[in-house]
Amino acid sequence: MKTINQKMKTVSARRRKKIEARASSLIAEEMTLQELRRARKITQVRLAKTLGISQDGVSRLEKRSDLLLSTMRKSVEAMGGNLSLVVEFPDRKPVILSGIATGETDPA
């Protein structure tokens, strides 16, 4: 059995470059809130001001692993983005879950 490094040595330089670019792209698709904020070049202080909380509050949010969706939505929106939830099943294409991460309340 070959290792990934051994296999990559047999691939052309052009193909290797494409593979490495795609790998970087996939890695970039998964980020923590802190990594996302940094990638957007936003300081904790600036984000805190936008959210109406303290810089320490932003720091604590970034360390949590159990955020409410509404908190995550507000944080992402404060960075200029929109939050979407995607549900994946092995037997169908991904589905964007609606009505969960929006700021709207259920009229019922």
C-alpha atoms as a PDB file:
ATOM      1  CA  MET A   1       0.000   0.000   0.000  1.00  0.00           C
ATOM      2  CA  LYS A   2       1.295   3.467  -0.925  1.00  0.00           C
ATOM      3  CA  THR A   3       1.231   6.463   1.379  1.00  0.00           C
ATOM      4  CA  ILE A   4      -0.320   9.704   0.204  1.00  0.00           C
ATOM      5  CA  ASN A   5       3.148  11.232  -0.121  1.00  0.00           C
ATOM      6  CA  GLN A   6       4.315   8.341  -2.306  1.00  0.00           C
ATOM      7  CA  LYS A   7       1.211   8.650  -4.476  1.00  0.00           C
ATOM      8  CA  MET A   8       1.609  12.427  -4.818  1.00  0.00           C
ATOM      9  CA  LYS A   9       5.186  11.929  -6.105  1.00  0.00           C
ATOM     10  CA  THR A  10       3.784  10.023  -9.090  1.00  0.00           C
ATOM     11  CA  VAL A  11       1.347  12.815 -10.010  1.00  0.00           C
ATOM     12  CA  SER A  12       2.349  15.573 -12.437  1.00  0.00           C
ATOM     13  CA  ALA A  13       3.265  18.957 -10.958  1.00  0.00           C
ATOM     14  CA  ARG A  14       0.208  20.520 -12.615  1.00  0.00           C
ATOM     15  CA  ARG A  15      -2.152  17.890 -11.167  1.00  0.00           C
ATOM     16  CA  ARG A  16      -0.469  18.099  -7.743  1.00  0.00           C
ATOM     17  CA  LYS A  17      -1.046  21.853  -7.728  1.00  0.00           C
ATOM     18  CA  LYS A  18      -4.763  21.339  -8.474  1.00  0.00           C
ATOM     19  CA  ILE A  19      -5.045  18.716  -5.729  1.00  0.00           C
ATOM     20  CA  GLU A  20      -3.324  20.963  -3.198  1.00  0.00           C
ATOM     21  CA  ALA A  21      -5.544  23.922  -4.156  1.00  0.00           C
ATOM     22  CA  ARG A  22      -8.686  21.807  -3.717  1.00  0.00           C
ATOM     23  CA  ALA A  23      -7.428  20.481  -0.373  1.00  0.00           C
ATOM     24  CA  SER A  24      -6.810  24.057   0.795  1.00  0.00           C
ATOM     25  CA  SER A  25     -10.294  25.012  -0.356  1.00  0.00           C
ATOM     26  CA  LEU A  26     -11.880  22.147   1.572  1.00  0.00           C
ATOM     27  CA  ILE A  27      -9.905  22.975   4.703  1.00  0.00           C
ATOM     28  CA  ALA A  28     -10.991  26.622   4.400  1.00  0.00           C
ATOM     29  CA  GLU A  29     -14.635  25.530   4.283  1.00  0.00           C
ATOM     30  CA  GLU A  30     -14.462  24.463   7.914  1.00  0.00           C
ATOM     31  CA  MET A  31     -13.628  27.175  10.414  1.00  0.00           C
ATOM     32  CA  THR A  32     -14.331  28.037  14.002  1.00  0.00           C
ATOM     33  CA  LEU A  33     -16.063  31.341  14.745  1.00  0.00           C
ATOM     34  CA  GLN A  34     -12.688  32.741  15.788  1.00  0.00           C
ATOM     35  CA  GLU A  35     -11.036  31.623  12.543  1.00  0.00           C
ATOM     36  CA  LEU A  36     -13.954  33.043  10.579  1.00  0.00           C
ATOM     37  CA  ARG A  37     -13.674  36.397  12.377  1.00  0.00           C
ATOM     38  CA  ARG A  38      -9.936  36.512  11.745  1.00  0.00           C
ATOM     39  CA  ALA A  39     -10.378  35.572   8.078  1.00  0.00           C
ATOM     40  CA  ARG A  40     -12.807  38.499   7.783  1.00  0.00           C
ATOM     41  CA  LYS A  41     -10.138  40.722   9.422  1.00  0.00           C
ATOM     42  CA  ILE A  42     -12.479  41.752  12.224  1.00  0.00           C
ATOM     43  CA  THR A  43     -11.187  42.323  15.752  1.00  0.00           C
ATOM     44  CA  GLN A  44     -12.969  41.035  18.844  1.00  0.00           C
ATOM     45  CA  VAL A  45     -13.439  44.653  19.914  1.00  0.00           C
ATOM     46  CA  ARG A  46     -15.141  45.599  16.648  1.00  0.00           C
ATOM     47  CA  LEU A  47     -17.357  42.513  16.706  1.00  0.00           C
ATOM     48  CA  ALA A  48     -18.226  43.175  20.354  1.00  0.00           C
ATOM     49  CA  LYS A  49     -19.282  46.726  19.508  1.00  0.00           C
ATOM     50  CA  THR A  50     -21.502  45.487  16.675  1.00  0.00           C
ATOM     51  CA  LEU A  51     -23.072  42.817  18.908  1.00  0.00           C
ATOM     52  CA  GLY A  52     -23.463  45.183  21.863  1.00  0.00           C
ATOM     53  CA  ILE A  53     -21.386  42.999  24.185  1.00  0.00           C
ATOM     54  CA  SER A  54     -17.914  43.201  25.705  1.00  0.00           C
ATOM     55  CA  GLN A  55     -14.710  42.016  24.040  1.00  0.00           C
ATOM     56  CA  ASP A  56     -14.498  39.379  26.778  1.00  0.00           C
ATOM     57  CA  GLY A  57     -17.995  38.251  25.763  1.00  0.00           C
ATOM     58  CA  VAL A  58     -16.805  37.691  22.188  1.00  0.00           C
ATOM     59  CA  SER A  59     -13.818  35.744  23.493  1.00  0.00           C
ATOM     60  CA  ARG A  60     -16.119  33.510  25.543  1.00  0.00           C
ATOM     61  CA  LEU A  61     -18.459  32.985  22.572  1.00  0.00           C
ATOM     62  CA  GLU A  62     -15.564  31.895  20.386  1.00  0.00           C
ATOM     63  CA  LYS A  63     -14.501  29.282  22.935  1.00  0.00           C
ATOM     64  CA  ARG A  64     -17.952  27.732  23.341  1.00  0.00           C
ATOM     65  CA  SER A  65     -18.937  24.615  21.471  1.00  0.00           C
ATOM     66  CA  ASP A  66     -22.660  24.763  22.320  1.00  0.00           C
ATOM     67  CA  LEU A  67     -23.886  28.103  20.978  1.00  0.00           C
ATOM     68  CA  LEU A  68     -27.556  28.789  20.436  1.00  0.00           C
ATOM     69  CA  LEU A  69     -28.343  29.126  16.743  1.00  0.00           C
ATOM     70  CA  SER A  70     -29.651  32.638  17.356  1.00  0.00           C
ATOM     71  CA  THR A  71     -26.315  33.623  18.936  1.00  0.00           C
ATOM     72  CA  MET A  72     -24.366  32.108  16.075  1.00  0.00           C
ATOM     73  CA  ARG A  73     -26.657  33.838  13.551  1.00  0.00           C
ATOM     74  CA  LYS A  74     -26.128  37.227  15.224  1.00  0.00           C
ATOM     75  CA  SER A  75     -22.348  36.691  15.274  1.00  0.00           C
ATOM     76  CA  VAL A  76     -22.208  35.723  11.605  1.00  0.00           C
ATOM     77  CA  GLU A  77     -24.459  38.640  10.625  1.00  0.00           C
ATOM     78  CA  ALA A  78     -22.251  41.011  12.634  1.00  0.00           C
ATOM     79  CA  MET A  79     -19.376  39.846  10.409  1.00  0.00           C
ATOM     80  CA  GLY A  80     -21.443  40.635   7.312  1.00  0.00           C
ATOM     81  CA  GLY A  81     -22.590  37.091   6.520  1.00  0.00           C
ATOM     82  CA  ASN A  82     -25.717  34.963   6.668  1.00  0.00           C
ATOM     83  CA  LEU A  83     -26.064  31.672   8.522  1.00  0.00           C
ATOM     84  CA  SER A  84     -27.497  28.646   6.735  1.00  0.00           C
ATOM     85  CA  LEU A  85     -27.911  25.150   8.104  1.00  0.00           C
ATOM     86  CA  VAL A  86     -27.320  22.298   5.698  1.00  0.00           C
ATOM     87  CA  VAL A  87     -28.648  18.815   6.377  1.00  0.00           C
ATOM     88  CA  GLU A  88     -26.809  15.952   4.721  1.00  0.00           C
ATOM     89  CA  PHE A  89     -28.067  12.410   4.222  1.00  0.00           C
ATOM     90  CA  PRO A  90     -26.153   9.638   2.477  1.00  0.00           C
ATOM     91  CA  ASP A  91     -29.009   8.949   0.046  1.00  0.00           C
ATOM     92  CA  ARG A  92     -29.825  12.457  -1.209  1.00  0.00           C
ATOM     93  CA  LYS A  93     -28.385  15.838  -2.029  1.00  0.00           C
ATOM     94  CA  PRO A  94     -27.821  18.305   0.854  1.00  0.00           C
ATOM     95  CA  VAL A  95     -30.854  20.308   1.974  1.00  0.00           C
ATOM     96  CA  ILE A  96     -30.794  23.824   3.421  1.00  0.00           C
ATOM     97  CA  LEU A  97     -32.915  23.760   6.563  1.00  0.00           C
ATOM     98  CA  SER A  98     -35.225  26.773   6.620  1.00  0.00           C
ATOM     99  CA  GLY A  99     -36.827  28.602   9.506  1.00  0.00           C
ATOM    100  CA  ILE A 100     -34.256  27.529  12.094  1.00  0.00           C
ATOM    101  CA  ALA A 101     -31.492  30.113  12.018  1.00  0.00           C
ATOM    102  CA  THR A 102     -33.567  33.106  10.962  1.00  0.00           C
ATOM    103  CA  GLY A 103     -34.461  36.017  13.172  1.00  0.00           C
ATOM    104  CA  GLU A 104     -38.135  35.546  12.400  1.00  0.00           C
ATOM    105  CA  THR A 105     -40.479  34.048  14.942  1.00  0.00           C
ATOM    106  CA  ASP A 106     -43.108  31.457  14.147  1.00  0.00           C
ATOM    107  CA  PRO A 107     -46.454  33.258  13.707  1.00  0.00           C
ATOM    108  CA  ALA A 108     -48.423  30.239  15.037  1.00  0.00           C
END
